[in-house]
Amino acid sequence: MPKILLHICCGPCASYPVPALRDEGFELMGYYYNPNIHPYTEWQKRRDSLQDYAAAVDLQVLFDEDYDPAQYFQTVSFREARRCFYCYQLRLEKAAQIARKGKFDYFTTTLLVSKYQRHDWIRELGESIGEKYEIPFLYRDFRDGFRQTGINAREMGLYRQQYCGCLFSETERYRSKAK
């Protein structure tokens, strides 16, 4: 059974890819690494949500508990127009390093479930980073399950966020409501 490391941003977003990948015959391990999430209390809520989800579905998850948003801000500073690209790169690179070290067959991400994320960038970066670390990136378009993640979150009582996680997206959320 091929092993895959699944980068996970939160419990709800994992709730569609995890069963889908298991149905494909993959042995999964989750990986929580998200220095982009702001503020710290939001990062904690998402981590806790993933812990609850993982316990409910018997998913082993490696949690990177070193919350370091400075790394994220240094990565995207003066690149705000393409901040998502650099955010994806930061997280996928770390996931690939962990996957290589853990002798996984593949790595991928739950970011692929969101209809708001740039799949072209995620795929391009994943494949490029995979080549760099000699660990294949498994691309799957999980957007068909986006609506289902909300249903799953409600049914399981999981915290579901209202923005991608970064300070910029939170600001955009409130600006759009104010207008």
N, C-alpha and C. Protein backbone atom coordinates (compact mmCIF):
# COMPACT_ATOMS: atom_id res chain seq x y z
N MET A 1 0.85 -1.17 0.00
CA MET A 1 0.00 0.00 0.00
C MET A 1 0.90 1.25 0.00
N PRO A 2 0.77 2.12 -1.02
CA PRO A 2 1.61 3.32 -1.06
C PRO A 2 1.29 4.29 0.06
N LYS A 3 2.35 4.90 0.60
CA LYS A 3 2.20 5.85 1.72
C LYS A 3 2.23 7.28 1.19
N ILE A 4 1.32 8.08 1.72
CA ILE A 4 1.25 9.48 1.30
C ILE A 4 1.20 10.39 2.52
N LEU A 5 1.98 11.46 2.46
CA LEU A 5 1.93 12.49 3.49
C LEU A 5 0.99 13.58 2.98
N LEU A 6 -0.03 13.84 3.76
CA LEU A 6 -1.05 14.81 3.38
C LEU A 6 -0.89 16.07 4.22
N HIS A 7 -0.42 17.16 3.59
CA HIS A 7 -0.38 18.44 4.29
C HIS A 7 -1.82 18.85 4.54
N ILE A 8 -2.12 19.24 5.78
CA ILE A 8 -3.50 19.56 6.16
C ILE A 8 -3.55 20.96 6.77
N CYS A 9 -4.49 21.76 6.28
CA CYS A 9 -4.65 23.12 6.82
C CYS A 9 -5.65 23.17 7.96
N CYS A 10 -6.61 22.24 8.01
CA CYS A 10 -7.62 22.23 9.08
C CYS A 10 -8.43 20.94 8.99
N GLY A 11 -9.21 20.67 10.03
CA GLY A 11 -10.04 19.47 10.06
C GLY A 11 -11.07 19.39 8.94
N PRO A 12 -11.88 20.43 8.75
CA PRO A 12 -12.89 20.35 7.70
C PRO A 12 -12.30 20.08 6.31
N CYS A 13 -11.20 20.75 5.98
CA CYS A 13 -10.61 20.55 4.65
C CYS A 13 -10.05 19.15 4.47
N ALA A 14 -9.71 18.48 5.56
CA ALA A 14 -9.22 17.10 5.47
C ALA A 14 -10.36 16.11 5.27
N SER A 15 -11.56 16.51 5.63
CA SER A 15 -12.68 15.56 5.70
C SER A 15 -13.14 15.02 4.36
N TYR A 16 -12.70 15.60 3.28
CA TYR A 16 -13.01 15.01 1.96
C TYR A 16 -11.81 14.26 1.38
N PRO A 17 -10.61 14.86 1.35
CA PRO A 17 -9.46 14.14 0.77
C PRO A 17 -9.07 12.86 1.53
N VAL A 18 -9.20 12.86 2.86
CA VAL A 18 -8.78 11.67 3.61
C VAL A 18 -9.55 10.43 3.17
N PRO A 19 -10.89 10.43 3.20
CA PRO A 19 -11.57 9.22 2.73
C PRO A 19 -11.37 8.94 1.24
N ALA A 20 -11.25 10.01 0.44
CA ALA A 20 -11.04 9.81 -1.00
C ALA A 20 -9.70 9.10 -1.26
N LEU A 21 -8.65 9.54 -0.59
CA LEU A 21 -7.33 8.91 -0.77
C LEU A 21 -7.30 7.50 -0.19
N ARG A 22 -7.97 7.31 0.92
CA ARG A 22 -8.05 5.95 1.47
C ARG A 22 -8.79 5.02 0.51
N ASP A 23 -9.84 5.53 -0.12
CA ASP A 23 -10.57 4.72 -1.11
C ASP A 23 -9.70 4.35 -2.30
N GLU A 24 -8.71 5.19 -2.60
CA GLU A 24 -7.77 4.90 -3.69
C GLU A 24 -6.70 3.89 -3.26
N GLY A 25 -6.67 3.54 -1.97
CA GLY A 25 -5.72 2.55 -1.50
C GLY A 25 -4.46 3.11 -0.87
N PHE A 26 -4.47 4.39 -0.54
CA PHE A 26 -3.29 4.99 0.09
C PHE A 26 -3.33 4.82 1.60
N GLU A 27 -2.15 4.64 2.17
CA GLU A 27 -1.96 4.70 3.61
C GLU A 27 -1.57 6.15 3.90
N LEU A 28 -2.33 6.81 4.76
CA LEU A 28 -2.16 8.25 4.98
C LEU A 28 -1.54 8.59 6.32
N MET A 29 -0.79 9.68 6.29
CA MET A 29 -0.40 10.37 7.51
C MET A 29 -0.61 11.85 7.23
N GLY A 30 -1.19 12.56 8.17
CA GLY A 30 -1.40 13.98 8.03
C GLY A 30 -0.21 14.76 8.54
N TYR A 31 -0.11 16.01 8.08
CA TYR A 31 0.96 16.90 8.52
C TYR A 31 0.39 18.30 8.63
N TYR A 32 0.41 18.84 9.85
CA TYR A 32 -0.10 20.18 10.11
C TYR A 32 1.06 21.15 10.23
N TYR A 33 1.21 21.98 9.21
CA TYR A 33 2.25 23.01 9.18
C TYR A 33 1.67 24.22 8.46
N ASN A 34 1.38 25.28 9.21
CA ASN A 34 0.68 26.42 8.65
C ASN A 34 1.10 27.73 9.32
N PRO A 35 2.33 28.20 9.03
CA PRO A 35 2.79 29.44 9.66
C PRO A 35 2.06 30.69 9.14
N ASN A 36 1.28 30.53 8.09
CA ASN A 36 0.52 31.63 7.51
C ASN A 36 -0.70 32.02 8.33
N ILE A 37 -1.18 31.12 9.16
CA ILE A 37 -2.44 31.37 9.87
C ILE A 37 -2.22 32.41 10.97
N HIS A 38 -3.13 33.37 10.98
CA HIS A 38 -3.02 34.50 11.89
C HIS A 38 -4.40 34.84 12.42
N PRO A 39 -4.56 35.15 13.66
CA PRO A 39 -3.58 35.17 14.74
C PRO A 39 -3.36 33.77 15.33
N TYR A 40 -2.57 33.73 16.37
CA TYR A 40 -2.24 32.46 17.02
C TYR A 40 -3.49 31.71 17.48
N THR A 41 -4.48 32.43 17.98
CA THR A 41 -5.71 31.76 18.44
C THR A 41 -6.43 31.07 17.29
N GLU A 42 -6.35 31.63 16.10
CA GLU A 42 -6.94 30.98 14.92
C GLU A 42 -6.15 29.72 14.58
N TRP A 43 -4.84 29.81 14.64
CA TRP A 43 -3.98 28.65 14.38
C TRP A 43 -4.33 27.52 15.35
N GLN A 44 -4.53 27.88 16.63
CA GLN A 44 -4.90 26.87 17.64
C GLN A 44 -6.25 26.23 17.33
N LYS A 45 -7.24 27.03 16.96
CA LYS A 45 -8.57 26.50 16.65
C LYS A 45 -8.50 25.51 15.49
N ARG A 46 -7.72 25.85 14.49
CA ARG A 46 -7.59 24.95 13.33
C ARG A 46 -6.83 23.68 13.69
N ARG A 47 -5.80 23.82 14.50
CA ARG A 47 -5.07 22.64 14.98
C ARG A 47 -5.99 21.74 15.79
N ASP A 48 -6.74 22.34 16.71
CA ASP A 48 -7.66 21.56 17.56
C ASP A 48 -8.73 20.88 16.73
N SER A 49 -9.23 21.57 15.72
CA SER A 49 -10.23 21.00 14.83
C SER A 49 -9.66 19.77 14.11
N LEU A 50 -8.41 19.88 13.68
CA LEU A 50 -7.77 18.74 13.02
C LEU A 50 -7.55 17.60 14.01
N GLN A 51 -7.17 17.91 15.24
CA GLN A 51 -7.00 16.86 16.24
C GLN A 51 -8.31 16.11 16.45
N ASP A 52 -9.42 16.83 16.53
CA ASP A 52 -10.73 16.20 16.70
C ASP A 52 -11.09 15.33 15.51
N TYR A 53 -10.86 15.86 14.31
CA TYR A 53 -11.17 15.09 13.10
C TYR A 53 -10.30 13.83 13.03
N ALA A 54 -9.01 13.99 13.28
CA ALA A 54 -8.08 12.86 13.19
C ALA A 54 -8.46 11.75 14.17
N ALA A 55 -8.86 12.13 15.38
CA ALA A 55 -9.27 11.14 16.37
C ALA A 55 -10.52 10.39 15.90
N ALA A 56 -11.43 11.11 15.26
CA ALA A 56 -12.69 10.51 14.82
C ALA A 56 -12.51 9.53 13.67
N VAL A 57 -11.48 9.73 12.84
CA VAL A 57 -11.30 8.87 11.67
C VAL A 57 -10.02 8.04 11.73
N ASP A 58 -9.39 8.00 12.90
CA ASP A 58 -8.17 7.22 13.10
C ASP A 58 -7.07 7.61 12.10
N LEU A 59 -6.77 8.90 12.07
CA LEU A 59 -5.72 9.42 11.20
C LEU A 59 -4.56 9.88 12.06
N GLN A 60 -3.41 9.36 11.79
CA GLN A 60 -2.20 9.81 12.48
C GLN A 60 -1.74 11.11 11.84
N VAL A 61 -1.47 12.11 12.69
CA VAL A 61 -1.06 13.42 12.19
C VAL A 61 0.20 13.87 12.93
N LEU A 62 1.12 14.37 12.17
CA LEU A 62 2.32 14.99 12.71
C LEU A 62 2.03 16.49 12.79
N PHE A 63 2.06 17.03 13.99
CA PHE A 63 1.76 18.45 14.20
C PHE A 63 3.06 19.21 14.39
N ASP A 64 3.30 20.18 13.53
CA ASP A 64 4.44 21.07 13.70
C ASP A 64 3.97 22.16 14.66
N GLU A 65 4.37 22.06 15.91
CA GLU A 65 3.88 22.95 16.97
C GLU A 65 4.67 24.26 17.05
N ASP A 66 5.64 24.43 16.17
CA ASP A 66 6.45 25.64 16.19
C ASP A 66 5.75 26.73 15.38
N TYR A 67 4.84 27.44 16.03
CA TYR A 67 4.11 28.51 15.36
C TYR A 67 5.05 29.68 15.13
N ASP A 68 5.35 29.96 13.86
CA ASP A 68 6.32 30.99 13.52
C ASP A 68 5.81 31.83 12.34
N PRO A 69 4.86 32.75 12.60
CA PRO A 69 4.34 33.56 11.49
C PRO A 69 5.39 34.49 10.89
N ALA A 70 6.46 34.78 11.63
CA ALA A 70 7.51 35.64 11.08
C ALA A 70 8.08 35.03 9.80
N GLN A 71 8.23 33.73 9.76
CA GLN A 71 8.74 33.07 8.56
C GLN A 71 7.81 33.33 7.38
N TYR A 72 6.52 33.21 7.62
CA TYR A 72 5.54 33.48 6.56
C TYR A 72 5.64 34.93 6.09
N PHE A 73 5.63 35.88 7.04
CA PHE A 73 5.68 37.29 6.65
C PHE A 73 6.97 37.64 5.92
N GLN A 74 8.08 37.05 6.31
CA GLN A 74 9.34 37.28 5.60
C GLN A 74 9.27 36.75 4.18
N THR A 75 8.58 35.62 4.02
CA THR A 75 8.46 35.00 2.70
C THR A 75 7.59 35.82 1.75
N VAL A 76 6.51 36.40 2.24
CA VAL A 76 5.58 37.12 1.36
C VAL A 76 5.80 38.63 1.30
N SER A 77 6.63 39.17 2.17
CA SER A 77 6.84 40.62 2.19
C SER A 77 7.33 41.13 0.84
N PHE A 78 6.72 42.21 0.39
CA PHE A 78 7.01 42.85 -0.88
C PHE A 78 6.64 41.96 -2.07
N ARG A 79 5.86 40.93 -1.80
CA ARG A 79 5.37 40.01 -2.84
C ARG A 79 3.87 39.80 -2.65
N GLU A 80 3.22 40.75 -2.05
CA GLU A 80 1.83 40.58 -1.63
C GLU A 80 0.90 40.20 -2.78
N ALA A 81 1.18 40.68 -3.98
CA ALA A 81 0.32 40.36 -5.12
C ALA A 81 0.33 38.86 -5.44
N ARG A 82 1.43 38.20 -5.10
CA ARG A 82 1.53 36.74 -5.34
C ARG A 82 1.76 36.01 -4.02
N ARG A 83 1.23 36.55 -2.95
CA ARG A 83 1.47 35.98 -1.63
C ARG A 83 1.01 34.53 -1.53
N CYS A 84 -0.07 34.19 -2.19
CA CYS A 84 -0.56 32.81 -2.12
C CYS A 84 0.46 31.84 -2.72
N PHE A 85 1.06 32.23 -3.83
CA PHE A 85 2.09 31.41 -4.47
C PHE A 85 3.21 31.09 -3.48
N TYR A 86 3.69 32.13 -2.80
CA TYR A 86 4.81 31.93 -1.87
C TYR A 86 4.38 31.19 -0.60
N CYS A 87 3.15 31.39 -0.22
CA CYS A 87 2.61 30.65 0.93
C CYS A 87 2.51 29.16 0.59
N TYR A 88 1.99 28.84 -0.59
CA TYR A 88 1.95 27.44 -1.03
C TYR A 88 3.35 26.85 -1.04
N GLN A 89 4.28 27.62 -1.60
CA GLN A 89 5.65 27.14 -1.72
C GLN A 89 6.25 26.81 -0.34
N LEU A 90 6.05 27.70 0.59
CA LEU A 90 6.58 27.51 1.95
C LEU A 90 6.05 26.22 2.56
N ARG A 91 4.76 26.01 2.48
CA ARG A 91 4.15 24.84 3.12
C ARG A 91 4.43 23.55 2.35
N LEU A 92 4.38 23.60 1.03
CA LEU A 92 4.65 22.39 0.25
C LEU A 92 6.11 21.96 0.36
N GLU A 93 7.01 22.92 0.43
CA GLU A 93 8.43 22.58 0.56
C GLU A 93 8.66 21.84 1.88
N LYS A 94 8.08 22.34 2.95
CA LYS A 94 8.25 21.69 4.25
C LYS A 94 7.61 20.29 4.23
N ALA A 95 6.45 20.17 3.62
CA ALA A 95 5.80 18.86 3.52
C ALA A 95 6.66 17.87 2.72
N ALA A 96 7.25 18.34 1.64
CA ALA A 96 8.11 17.46 0.83
C ALA A 96 9.33 17.01 1.63
N GLN A 97 9.91 17.91 2.40
CA GLN A 97 11.06 17.55 3.23
C GLN A 97 10.68 16.45 4.23
N ILE A 98 9.53 16.61 4.87
CA ILE A 98 9.06 15.62 5.85
C ILE A 98 8.74 14.30 5.15
N ALA A 99 8.12 14.38 3.99
CA ALA A 99 7.77 13.16 3.24
C ALA A 99 9.03 12.40 2.83
N ARG A 100 10.01 13.12 2.38
CA ARG A 100 11.27 12.47 1.97
C ARG A 100 11.94 11.81 3.18
N LYS A 101 12.02 12.57 4.26
CA LYS A 101 12.66 12.04 5.47
C LYS A 101 11.91 10.82 6.01
N GLY A 102 10.58 10.84 5.90
CA GLY A 102 9.76 9.74 6.40
C GLY A 102 9.58 8.59 5.42
N LYS A 103 10.26 8.69 4.27
CA LYS A 103 10.21 7.63 3.25
C LYS A 103 8.80 7.36 2.73
N PHE A 104 8.05 8.44 2.52
CA PHE A 104 6.72 8.33 1.93
C PHE A 104 6.88 8.15 0.43
N ASP A 105 5.84 7.63 -0.20
CA ASP A 105 5.85 7.45 -1.65
C ASP A 105 5.40 8.72 -2.38
N TYR A 106 4.57 9.53 -1.72
CA TYR A 106 4.01 10.75 -2.30
C TYR A 106 3.74 11.77 -1.20
N PHE A 107 3.50 13.01 -1.63
CA PHE A 107 2.95 14.03 -0.74
C PHE A 107 1.91 14.81 -1.52
N THR A 108 0.97 15.39 -0.80
CA THR A 108 -0.07 16.22 -1.39
C THR A 108 -0.62 17.15 -0.32
N THR A 109 -1.69 17.86 -0.62
CA THR A 109 -2.21 18.85 0.31
C THR A 109 -3.73 18.96 0.24
N THR A 110 -4.33 19.29 1.37
CA THR A 110 -5.77 19.53 1.42
C THR A 110 -6.14 20.87 0.79
N LEU A 111 -5.17 21.70 0.48
CA LEU A 111 -5.46 22.95 -0.21
C LEU A 111 -6.20 22.68 -1.52
N LEU A 112 -6.05 21.48 -2.04
CA LEU A 112 -6.67 21.11 -3.31
C LEU A 112 -8.17 20.88 -3.21
N VAL A 113 -8.73 20.98 -2.02
CA VAL A 113 -10.18 20.85 -1.87
C VAL A 113 -10.89 22.19 -2.02
N SER A 114 -10.17 23.28 -1.86
CA SER A 114 -10.79 24.60 -1.87
C SER A 114 -10.96 25.16 -3.27
N LYS A 115 -12.15 25.66 -3.53
CA LYS A 115 -12.42 26.31 -4.81
C LYS A 115 -11.80 27.70 -4.86
N TYR A 116 -11.29 28.17 -3.74
CA TYR A 116 -10.68 29.50 -3.67
C TYR A 116 -9.17 29.48 -3.88
N GLN A 117 -8.56 28.30 -3.88
CA GLN A 117 -7.11 28.20 -4.04
C GLN A 117 -6.74 28.05 -5.51
N ARG A 118 -5.54 28.48 -5.85
CA ARG A 118 -5.04 28.42 -7.22
C ARG A 118 -4.43 27.05 -7.49
N HIS A 119 -5.21 26.17 -8.06
CA HIS A 119 -4.74 24.82 -8.35
C HIS A 119 -3.57 24.80 -9.31
N ASP A 120 -3.55 25.71 -10.26
CA ASP A 120 -2.43 25.74 -11.20
C ASP A 120 -1.11 26.00 -10.48
N TRP A 121 -1.12 26.94 -9.54
CA TRP A 121 0.09 27.23 -8.77
C TRP A 121 0.46 26.06 -7.86
N ILE A 122 -0.54 25.49 -7.19
CA ILE A 122 -0.28 24.39 -6.26
C ILE A 122 0.33 23.21 -7.02
N ARG A 123 -0.25 22.89 -8.15
CA ARG A 123 0.26 21.76 -8.94
C ARG A 123 1.68 22.03 -9.45
N GLU A 124 1.88 23.22 -10.01
CA GLU A 124 3.20 23.60 -10.52
C GLU A 124 4.25 23.52 -9.41
N LEU A 125 3.94 24.11 -8.28
CA LEU A 125 4.88 24.10 -7.16
C LEU A 125 5.09 22.70 -6.62
N GLY A 126 4.01 21.97 -6.42
CA GLY A 126 4.12 20.62 -5.89
C GLY A 126 5.00 19.73 -6.75
N GLU A 127 4.80 19.80 -8.05
CA GLU A 127 5.59 18.97 -8.95
C GLU A 127 7.06 19.41 -8.97
N SER A 128 7.29 20.71 -8.97
CA SER A 128 8.66 21.23 -8.96
C SER A 128 9.38 20.88 -7.65
N ILE A 129 8.71 21.08 -6.55
CA ILE A 129 9.30 20.75 -5.25
C ILE A 129 9.49 19.24 -5.12
N GLY A 130 8.55 18.49 -5.64
CA GLY A 130 8.68 17.04 -5.63
C GLY A 130 9.93 16.57 -6.37
N GLU A 131 10.21 17.19 -7.51
CA GLU A 131 11.42 16.85 -8.25
C GLU A 131 12.66 17.21 -7.44
N LYS A 132 12.64 18.37 -6.82
CA LYS A 132 13.78 18.84 -6.02
C LYS A 132 14.11 17.85 -4.90
N TYR A 133 13.08 17.36 -4.23
CA TYR A 133 13.28 16.46 -3.08
C TYR A 133 13.12 14.99 -3.43
N GLU A 134 12.92 14.71 -4.70
CA GLU A 134 12.77 13.33 -5.19
C GLU A 134 11.66 12.60 -4.46
N ILE A 135 10.53 13.29 -4.34
CA ILE A 135 9.32 12.71 -3.74
C ILE A 135 8.14 13.20 -4.59
N PRO A 136 7.45 12.32 -5.28
CA PRO A 136 6.40 12.76 -6.19
C PRO A 136 5.24 13.48 -5.48
N PHE A 137 4.78 14.55 -6.11
CA PHE A 137 3.59 15.26 -5.66
C PHE A 137 2.39 14.62 -6.32
N LEU A 138 1.41 14.26 -5.51
CA LEU A 138 0.19 13.65 -6.04
C LEU A 138 -0.87 14.73 -6.17
N TYR A 139 -1.19 15.08 -7.41
CA TYR A 139 -2.23 16.08 -7.64
C TYR A 139 -3.58 15.39 -7.77
N ARG A 140 -4.53 15.89 -7.01
CA ARG A 140 -5.92 15.47 -7.13
C ARG A 140 -6.78 16.72 -7.03
N ASP A 141 -7.74 16.84 -7.93
CA ASP A 141 -8.68 17.96 -7.86
C ASP A 141 -9.84 17.54 -6.97
N PHE A 142 -9.77 17.95 -5.72
CA PHE A 142 -10.78 17.58 -4.73
C PHE A 142 -11.91 18.62 -4.63
N ARG A 143 -11.95 19.61 -5.53
CA ARG A 143 -12.93 20.68 -5.41
C ARG A 143 -14.38 20.18 -5.45
N ASP A 144 -14.61 19.03 -6.06
CA ASP A 144 -15.97 18.48 -6.04
C ASP A 144 -16.45 18.24 -4.61
N GLY A 145 -15.53 18.07 -3.68
CA GLY A 145 -15.87 17.81 -2.30
C GLY A 145 -15.91 19.05 -1.42
N PHE A 146 -15.72 20.24 -2.01
CA PHE A 146 -15.67 21.46 -1.20
C PHE A 146 -16.94 21.66 -0.39
N ARG A 147 -18.08 21.55 -1.01
CA ARG A 147 -19.36 21.72 -0.30
C ARG A 147 -19.50 20.67 0.80
N GLN A 148 -19.06 19.47 0.50
CA GLN A 148 -19.16 18.37 1.47
C GLN A 148 -18.35 18.65 2.73
N THR A 149 -17.24 19.36 2.59
CA THR A 149 -16.43 19.66 3.78
C THR A 149 -17.21 20.49 4.79
N GLY A 150 -18.04 21.39 4.30
CA GLY A 150 -18.88 22.19 5.20
C GLY A 150 -19.92 21.33 5.90
N ILE A 151 -20.51 20.42 5.16
CA ILE A 151 -21.50 19.50 5.73
C ILE A 151 -20.82 18.62 6.78
N ASN A 152 -19.64 18.10 6.44
CA ASN A 152 -18.90 17.25 7.37
C ASN A 152 -18.56 18.00 8.66
N ALA A 153 -18.14 19.25 8.51
CA ALA A 153 -17.76 20.06 9.67
C ALA A 153 -18.97 20.24 10.60
N ARG A 154 -20.11 20.56 10.02
CA ARG A 154 -21.32 20.73 10.85
C ARG A 154 -21.71 19.43 11.54
N GLU A 155 -21.70 18.33 10.79
CA GLU A 155 -22.09 17.04 11.36
C GLU A 155 -21.14 16.58 12.46
N MET A 156 -19.86 16.90 12.32
CA MET A 156 -18.85 16.46 13.29
C MET A 156 -18.59 17.50 14.38
N GLY A 157 -19.21 18.66 14.26
CA GLY A 157 -19.00 19.72 15.25
C GLY A 157 -17.61 20.32 15.19
N LEU A 158 -17.02 20.38 13.99
CA LEU A 158 -15.67 20.91 13.82
C LEU A 158 -15.71 22.42 13.59
N TYR A 159 -14.76 23.11 14.14
CA TYR A 159 -14.61 24.54 13.88
C TYR A 159 -14.32 24.74 12.41
N ARG A 160 -15.06 25.66 11.79
CA ARG A 160 -14.85 25.98 10.38
C ARG A 160 -14.59 27.48 10.25
N GLN A 161 -13.46 27.81 9.71
CA GLN A 161 -13.02 29.19 9.57
C GLN A 161 -13.73 29.89 8.41
N GLN A 162 -13.64 31.21 8.42
CA GLN A 162 -14.30 32.03 7.40
C GLN A 162 -13.30 32.73 6.47
N TYR A 163 -12.03 32.39 6.58
CA TYR A 163 -11.01 32.97 5.70
C TYR A 163 -9.86 31.99 5.59
N CYS A 164 -9.01 32.19 4.60
CA CYS A 164 -7.97 31.20 4.32
C CYS A 164 -7.00 31.02 5.48
N GLY A 165 -6.78 32.09 6.22
CA GLY A 165 -5.89 31.95 7.38
C GLY A 165 -4.93 33.09 7.57
N CYS A 166 -4.51 33.70 6.46
CA CYS A 166 -3.51 34.76 6.60
C CYS A 166 -4.16 36.09 6.96
N LEU A 167 -3.34 36.97 7.46
CA LEU A 167 -3.80 38.31 7.84
C LEU A 167 -4.41 39.04 6.66
N PHE A 168 -3.84 38.85 5.48
CA PHE A 168 -4.35 39.53 4.29
C PHE A 168 -5.77 39.06 3.96
N SER A 169 -6.00 37.76 4.02
CA SER A 169 -7.34 37.26 3.68
C SER A 169 -8.36 37.65 4.75
N GLU A 170 -7.93 37.72 5.99
CA GLU A 170 -8.84 38.16 7.04
C GLU A 170 -9.22 39.63 6.81
N THR A 171 -8.26 40.45 6.45
CA THR A 171 -8.53 41.85 6.16
C THR A 171 -9.49 41.99 4.98
N GLU A 172 -9.27 41.22 3.93
CA GLU A 172 -10.15 41.25 2.76
C GLU A 172 -11.58 40.85 3.14
N ARG A 173 -11.70 39.88 4.00
CA ARG A 173 -13.02 39.42 4.44
C ARG A 173 -13.78 40.55 5.09
N TYR A 174 -13.14 41.27 6.00
CA TYR A 174 -13.82 42.35 6.70
C TYR A 174 -14.04 43.57 5.81
N ARG A 175 -13.12 43.83 4.91
CA ARG A 175 -13.31 44.94 3.97
C ARG A 175 -14.52 44.72 3.09
N SER A 176 -14.68 43.51 2.58
CA SER A 176 -15.80 43.22 1.69
C SER A 176 -17.14 43.34 2.43
N LYS A 177 -17.16 42.99 3.70
CA LYS A 177 -18.38 43.13 4.49
C LYS A 177 -18.70 44.60 4.75
N ALA A 178 -17.66 45.41 4.93
CA ALA A 178 -17.85 46.84 5.21
C ALA A 178 -18.39 47.59 3.99
N LYS A 179 -18.02 47.12 2.82
CA LYS A 179 -18.48 47.76 1.59
C LYS A 179 -19.90 47.34 1.29
